[in-house]
Amino acid sequence: MQIPGQIWVQINIYPNETPYFAMAGVCDHWIDKTNGELVMSTAIITTEPCEKLKKVHDRMPVIISKEDWAVG
């Protein structure tokens, strides 16, 4: 989180339990009416941060538990 008058520092955050994880998101595609090109749009769904991250940022991605991952 950028606070006026403070230096911005990049922080890499990852889960300890597994080398990979799934985040909730949405995607859609549409035709740009100005040029006829197909555009793919995506967004990550966010939520309030967990206690460990509250001092770092005001939101975090919604993490999908492994049991709820889509299989197919």
Protein backbone atom coordinates (compact mmCIF):
# COMPACT_ATOMS: atom_id res chain seq x y z
CA MET A 1 0.00 0.00 0.00
CA GLN A 2 1.45 3.37 -1.00
CA ILE A 3 1.33 5.93 1.80
CA PRO A 4 2.16 9.56 0.91
CA GLY A 5 5.67 10.45 2.03
CA GLN A 6 6.78 6.84 2.39
CA ILE A 7 8.93 4.71 0.10
CA TRP A 8 7.17 1.97 -1.89
CA VAL A 9 8.68 -1.49 -1.37
CA GLN A 10 7.82 -4.56 -3.47
CA ILE A 11 6.81 -7.56 -1.34
CA ASN A 12 6.37 -11.05 -2.81
CA ILE A 13 3.76 -13.12 -0.96
CA TYR A 14 3.15 -16.84 -1.47
CA PRO A 15 1.59 -19.73 0.51
CA ASN A 16 3.87 -21.88 2.66
CA GLU A 17 1.83 -25.07 2.28
CA THR A 18 2.15 -25.62 -1.47
CA PRO A 19 4.16 -24.32 -4.42
CA TYR A 20 0.94 -23.39 -6.27
CA PHE A 21 -2.54 -22.10 -5.47
CA ALA A 22 -5.75 -20.98 -7.20
CA MET A 23 -7.33 -17.53 -7.10
CA ALA A 24 -10.93 -16.64 -7.91
CA GLY A 25 -11.41 -14.67 -11.09
CA VAL A 26 -13.70 -13.89 -13.95
CA CYS A 27 -13.05 -13.63 -17.67
CA ASP A 28 -14.98 -12.70 -20.75
CA HIS A 29 -14.37 -11.93 -24.37
CA TRP A 30 -16.02 -9.31 -26.52
CA ILE A 31 -15.68 -7.59 -29.87
CA ASP A 32 -14.25 -4.06 -29.82
CA LYS A 33 -16.75 -2.04 -31.87
CA THR A 34 -14.10 0.49 -32.90
CA ASN A 35 -11.83 -1.99 -34.71
CA GLY A 36 -13.64 -5.35 -34.75
CA GLU A 37 -10.92 -7.11 -32.74
CA LEU A 38 -11.64 -9.81 -30.19
CA VAL A 39 -10.69 -8.65 -26.69
CA MET A 40 -10.14 -11.00 -23.73
CA SER A 41 -10.74 -9.38 -20.34
CA THR A 42 -9.85 -10.91 -16.98
CA ALA A 43 -10.05 -9.79 -13.35
CA ILE A 44 -8.98 -11.29 -10.03
CA ILE A 45 -11.66 -11.25 -7.33
CA THR A 46 -10.40 -9.68 -4.10
CA THR A 47 -11.48 -9.62 -0.46
CA GLU A 48 -10.35 -8.11 2.83
CA PRO A 49 -6.85 -9.26 3.77
CA CYS A 50 -6.16 -11.97 6.32
CA GLU A 51 -4.58 -10.87 9.61
CA LYS A 52 -1.03 -11.56 8.36
CA LEU A 53 -1.48 -9.24 5.37
CA LYS A 54 -3.41 -6.34 6.91
CA LYS A 55 -0.21 -4.36 7.57
CA VAL A 56 0.89 -4.84 3.96
CA HIS A 57 -2.27 -4.19 1.91
CA ASP A 58 -5.98 -3.41 2.21
CA ARG A 59 -7.08 -6.39 0.08
CA MET A 60 -5.97 -9.80 -1.17
CA PRO A 61 -7.10 -12.30 -3.83
CA VAL A 62 -9.83 -14.77 -2.94
CA ILE A 63 -7.89 -18.04 -2.57
CA ILE A 64 -9.71 -21.22 -3.67
CA SER A 65 -9.02 -24.25 -1.49
CA LYS A 66 -7.58 -27.26 -3.34
CA GLU A 67 -10.70 -29.29 -2.56
CA ASP A 68 -12.77 -26.76 -4.52
CA TRP A 69 -10.61 -26.61 -7.65
CA ALA A 70 -12.44 -27.48 -10.85
CA VAL A 71 -11.42 -30.83 -12.28
CA GLY A 72 -11.71 -31.50 -15.95
